[in-house]
Amino acid sequence: MITVENMKKTFGDQTVLESINFNVNKGEVVCLVGASGSGKTTLLRCLNLLEKPNEGKLKIGSKQVEFGKTKLTKKDIEEIRQYSGMVFQGFHLFPHMTLMENIIEAPLTVKKRDKKVVMEEANEILQKVGLVEHKDKYPDALSGGQQQRAAIARSLMMHPEVLLFDEPTSALDPQLVREVLKVIENLAKEGQTMVIVTHEMNFARRIANRALFMDEGYILEEGPAEKVLTDPREARTREFLALLEDE
């Protein structure tokens, strides 16, 4: 599904990703964990080419690109992005559109799909994320948790093979976190391939097949989520987990 080889990313003189190698199999949930500034979000954005790596290879689905040797074309970027959907910390809903209008916009304008079919599918997806009764509301009438679930629904409408989540609950009040995590957990049970940046360790242990611990731009440890997040082999991973327990 996803293969990353020797990926490197710099911002000016600062190297933020170095020698990144990993893969994600179809139907797998992989969580990226680590301290702030360790490179997790940059790596996630590189998978969707929101950031363009300086070196290495990326393969998603049947599309492969190599960085540094040839210039990425607009077609390359579009072909990579057709495989994935990105859910950000912020919700990025259009404030002047209803919830329904927000989630059908891309299928209608980008994919030119039939509106009747799109509307039927939208109702099914809104039912799945628990928002069908709110479909005619505008974003400012929704809670943060509802807006994040709407953002997930919007991504699902594009039929992504893999969903990329960047700290999907970090902008939410604690009481709203659970409803978003439940939607993601249900998607995992359905076999949706996902890569998730998160600090929710209990959640990661529960749903992830594998966890990657990142430190200073490197993947320092990788393995089954339960093992990495409960009994890690690396001292730096143990230090990070201990700090979270103290918070």
Protein backbone atom coordinates (compact mmCIF):
# COMPACT_ATOMS: atom_id res chain seq x y z
CA MET A 1 0.00 0.00 0.00
CA ILE A 2 2.70 2.49 1.10
CA THR A 3 6.44 2.05 0.80
CA VAL A 4 8.96 4.71 1.85
CA GLU A 5 12.66 4.30 1.09
CA ASN A 6 15.52 6.48 2.34
CA MET A 7 13.34 9.58 2.62
CA LYS A 8 15.03 12.82 3.63
CA LYS A 9 13.48 16.23 4.17
CA THR A 10 15.22 19.49 4.98
CA PHE A 11 14.04 23.03 5.61
CA GLY A 12 17.01 25.20 4.73
CA ASP A 13 19.95 23.94 6.79
CA GLN A 14 17.74 21.96 9.15
CA THR A 15 17.23 18.25 8.50
CA VAL A 16 13.82 17.19 9.80
CA LEU A 17 13.65 13.69 8.30
CA GLU A 18 16.64 11.41 7.73
CA SER A 19 16.86 7.86 6.34
CA ILE A 20 13.14 7.13 6.70
CA ASN A 21 12.21 3.58 5.68
CA PHE A 22 8.91 1.87 6.42
CA ASN A 23 5.84 0.36 4.79
CA VAL A 24 2.12 0.18 5.45
CA ASN A 25 0.15 -2.82 4.27
CA LYS A 26 -3.41 -2.68 3.01
CA GLY A 27 -5.88 -2.69 5.90
CA GLU A 28 -3.20 -1.84 8.44
CA VAL A 29 -3.27 0.94 11.03
CA VAL A 30 0.12 2.49 11.77
CA CYS A 31 0.56 5.13 14.48
CA LEU A 32 3.42 7.65 14.46
CA VAL A 33 4.40 8.68 17.98
CA GLY A 34 7.12 10.84 19.47
CA ALA A 35 7.77 14.20 21.04
CA SER A 36 6.82 17.47 19.36
CA GLY A 37 9.41 18.35 16.73
CA SER A 38 10.43 14.73 16.11
CA GLY A 39 9.24 14.83 12.48
CA LYS A 40 5.91 13.00 12.72
CA THR A 41 3.73 15.62 11.03
CA THR A 42 6.35 16.37 8.39
CA LEU A 43 6.51 12.67 7.52
CA LEU A 44 2.73 12.47 7.28
CA ARG A 45 2.64 15.53 5.01
CA CYS A 46 5.35 14.01 2.82
CA LEU A 47 3.10 10.98 2.24
CA ASN A 48 0.54 13.32 0.66
CA LEU A 49 3.18 15.57 -0.95
CA LEU A 50 2.02 18.58 1.02
CA GLU A 51 5.74 18.65 1.76
CA LYS A 52 8.10 17.45 -0.95
CA PRO A 53 11.01 15.30 0.28
CA ASN A 54 14.52 16.14 -0.90
CA GLU A 55 15.59 12.53 -1.37
CA GLY A 56 14.19 9.00 -1.40
CA LYS A 57 11.28 7.12 -2.91
CA LEU A 58 7.57 6.99 -2.15
CA LYS A 59 5.13 4.43 -3.47
CA ILE A 60 1.40 4.58 -2.74
CA GLY A 61 -0.83 2.10 -4.53
CA SER A 62 0.54 1.68 -8.03
CA LYS A 63 2.19 5.12 -8.20
CA GLN A 64 5.86 5.59 -7.33
CA VAL A 65 7.88 8.81 -7.29
CA GLU A 66 11.57 9.42 -6.67
CA PHE A 67 12.76 12.66 -5.14
CA GLY A 68 15.85 14.68 -5.88
CA LYS A 69 16.66 13.20 -9.27
CA THR A 70 13.66 14.26 -11.32
CA LYS A 71 11.25 17.16 -10.90
CA LEU A 72 7.79 16.29 -9.61
CA THR A 73 5.08 17.19 -12.07
CA LYS A 74 1.58 18.33 -11.23
CA LYS A 75 0.38 15.00 -12.62
CA ASP A 76 2.68 13.10 -10.25
CA ILE A 77 1.29 14.99 -7.26
CA GLU A 78 -2.32 14.50 -8.33
CA GLU A 79 -1.78 10.77 -8.87
CA ILE A 80 -0.22 10.32 -5.41
CA ARG A 81 -3.00 12.32 -3.73
CA GLN A 82 -5.78 10.32 -5.36
CA TYR A 83 -4.84 7.42 -3.09
CA SER A 84 -5.01 9.27 0.21
CA GLY A 85 -7.21 11.53 2.29
CA MET A 86 -5.78 13.91 4.88
CA VAL A 87 -7.50 14.84 8.15
CA PHE A 88 -5.80 17.76 9.88
CA GLN A 89 -5.74 19.08 13.45
CA GLY A 90 -7.99 21.92 12.30
CA PHE A 91 -11.19 21.06 10.50
CA HIS A 92 -10.93 23.33 7.43
CA LEU A 93 -14.64 23.29 6.67
CA PHE A 94 -16.07 26.00 4.43
CA PRO A 95 -18.01 28.27 6.85
CA HIS A 96 -20.49 29.44 4.19
CA MET A 97 -21.53 25.88 3.29
CA THR A 98 -23.74 23.45 5.20
CA LEU A 99 -22.27 20.19 6.43
CA MET A 100 -23.77 18.36 3.45
CA GLU A 101 -22.45 20.94 0.99
CA ASN A 102 -18.99 20.67 2.53
CA ILE A 103 -18.69 16.94 2.07
CA ILE A 104 -20.15 16.71 -1.45
CA GLU A 105 -18.12 19.61 -2.87
CA ALA A 106 -14.99 17.65 -3.86
CA PRO A 107 -16.74 14.61 -5.41
CA LEU A 108 -18.87 16.95 -7.53
CA THR A 109 -16.21 19.46 -8.59
CA VAL A 110 -13.04 17.35 -8.66
CA LYS A 111 -14.35 13.95 -9.70
CA LYS A 112 -17.40 15.23 -11.63
CA ARG A 113 -19.61 12.53 -10.15
CA ASP A 114 -23.39 12.34 -10.50
CA LYS A 115 -25.02 14.51 -7.85
CA LYS A 116 -27.83 12.08 -6.99
CA VAL A 117 -25.35 9.24 -6.40
CA VAL A 118 -23.08 11.53 -4.37
CA MET A 119 -25.97 12.70 -2.19
CA GLU A 120 -27.03 9.12 -1.46
CA GLU A 121 -23.48 8.19 -0.52
CA ALA A 122 -23.10 11.33 1.60
CA ASN A 123 -26.14 10.39 3.67
CA GLU A 124 -24.68 6.92 4.26
CA ILE A 125 -21.31 8.32 5.35
CA LEU A 126 -22.91 10.95 7.59
CA GLN A 127 -24.88 8.14 9.20
CA LYS A 128 -21.62 6.25 9.74
CA VAL A 129 -19.99 9.19 11.55
CA GLY A 130 -23.14 10.05 13.51
CA LEU A 131 -23.94 13.35 11.81
CA VAL A 132 -26.83 12.73 9.43
CA GLU A 133 -29.23 14.74 11.61
CA HIS A 134 -26.88 17.74 11.38
CA LYS A 135 -26.40 17.74 7.60
CA ASP A 136 -28.18 21.07 7.04
CA LYS A 137 -26.26 22.93 9.74
CA TYR A 138 -23.35 25.28 9.12
CA PRO A 139 -19.95 24.55 10.72
CA ASP A 140 -20.29 27.26 13.39
CA ALA A 141 -23.38 25.45 14.70
CA LEU A 142 -21.37 22.24 15.25
CA SER A 143 -19.13 21.30 18.15
CA GLY A 144 -15.43 20.73 17.56
CA GLY A 145 -15.94 16.98 17.70
CA GLN A 146 -18.75 17.18 15.17
CA GLN A 147 -16.61 19.31 12.86
CA GLN A 148 -13.76 16.81 13.04
CA ARG A 149 -16.14 13.96 12.27
CA ALA A 150 -17.37 16.04 9.33
CA ALA A 151 -13.77 16.39 8.14
CA ILE A 152 -13.41 12.60 8.28
CA ALA A 153 -16.64 12.20 6.31
CA ARG A 154 -15.35 14.65 3.70
CA SER A 155 -12.21 12.55 3.24
CA LEU A 156 -14.21 9.32 3.02
CA MET A 157 -16.30 10.79 0.20
CA MET A 158 -13.21 10.69 -2.03
CA HIS A 159 -12.80 6.92 -1.49
CA PRO A 160 -9.18 7.11 -0.30
CA GLU A 161 -7.20 3.89 -0.08
CA VAL A 162 -5.40 5.32 2.94
CA LEU A 163 -6.44 7.95 5.48
CA LEU A 164 -3.76 10.17 7.01
CA PHE A 165 -4.58 11.70 10.41
CA ASP A 166 -2.49 14.49 11.94
CA GLU A 167 -3.32 14.65 15.67
CA PRO A 168 -7.07 14.47 14.95
CA THR A 169 -8.06 15.18 18.56
CA SER A 170 -5.46 17.75 19.60
CA ALA A 171 -7.75 20.75 18.95
CA LEU A 172 -10.66 19.25 20.89
CA ASP A 173 -11.86 19.62 24.44
CA PRO A 174 -11.30 16.38 26.38
CA GLN A 175 -14.99 15.50 26.45
CA LEU A 176 -15.15 15.61 22.64
CA VAL A 177 -12.12 13.40 22.02
CA ARG A 178 -13.94 10.13 22.60
CA GLU A 179 -16.52 10.62 19.83
CA VAL A 180 -13.82 11.23 17.21
CA LEU A 181 -11.68 8.31 18.36
CA LYS A 182 -14.74 6.04 18.18
CA VAL A 183 -15.26 6.91 14.51
CA ILE A 184 -11.60 6.18 13.74
CA GLU A 185 -11.79 2.91 15.68
CA ASN A 186 -14.82 1.83 13.66
CA LEU A 187 -12.96 2.60 10.43
CA ALA A 188 -10.10 0.40 11.64
CA LYS A 189 -12.54 -2.45 12.26
CA GLU A 190 -13.82 -2.05 8.70
CA GLY A 191 -10.28 -2.51 7.35
CA GLN A 192 -9.53 1.10 6.38
CA THR A 193 -5.79 1.63 5.91
CA MET A 194 -4.67 4.49 8.16
CA VAL A 195 -1.53 6.31 9.27
CA ILE A 196 -2.17 8.31 12.43
CA VAL A 197 -0.03 10.85 14.27
CA THR A 198 -1.28 10.79 17.85
CA HIS A 199 -0.45 11.32 21.51
CA GLU A 200 -3.40 9.16 22.56
CA MET A 201 -1.35 6.14 23.63
CA ASN A 202 -4.22 4.00 24.94
CA PHE A 203 -6.05 4.55 21.69
CA ALA A 204 -2.93 3.68 19.67
CA ARG A 205 -2.39 0.47 21.64
CA ARG A 206 -6.00 -0.51 21.06
CA ILE A 207 -6.34 0.02 17.31
CA ALA A 208 -2.87 0.13 15.75
CA ASN A 209 -1.18 -2.87 14.18
CA ARG A 210 2.18 -1.16 14.41
CA ALA A 211 3.72 1.89 16.03
CA LEU A 212 6.70 3.93 14.83
CA PHE A 213 8.50 5.98 17.46
CA MET A 214 10.24 9.00 15.96
CA ASP A 215 13.04 11.01 17.52
CA GLU A 216 14.95 13.93 15.96
CA GLY A 217 13.89 13.04 12.44
CA TYR A 218 14.62 9.31 12.62
CA ILE A 219 12.42 6.27 13.15
CA LEU A 220 14.09 5.05 16.32
CA GLU A 221 11.82 2.10 17.01
CA GLU A 222 9.19 0.17 15.09
CA GLY A 223 7.11 -2.89 15.89
CA PRO A 224 3.73 -4.16 17.09
CA ALA A 225 1.93 -1.27 18.78
CA GLU A 226 1.36 -3.13 22.04
CA LYS A 227 5.07 -3.98 22.28
CA VAL A 228 6.45 -0.54 21.32
CA LEU A 229 4.01 1.37 23.52
CA THR A 230 4.10 -0.95 26.54
CA ASP A 231 7.53 -2.58 26.57
CA PRO A 232 9.82 -0.64 24.20
CA ARG A 233 13.41 -1.71 23.68
CA GLU A 234 14.84 1.82 23.27
CA ALA A 235 15.61 4.00 26.30
CA ARG A 236 14.43 7.12 24.45
CA THR A 237 11.02 5.51 23.80
CA ARG A 238 10.71 4.59 27.46
CA GLU A 239 11.56 8.17 28.46
CA PHE A 240 8.91 9.57 26.13
CA LEU A 241 6.19 7.24 27.41
CA ALA A 242 7.12 7.99 31.01
CA LEU A 243 6.74 11.73 30.36
CA LEU A 244 3.23 11.15 28.96
CA GLU A 245 2.26 9.17 32.05
CA ASP A 246 3.41 12.07 34.25
CA GLU A 247 1.21 14.62 32.45
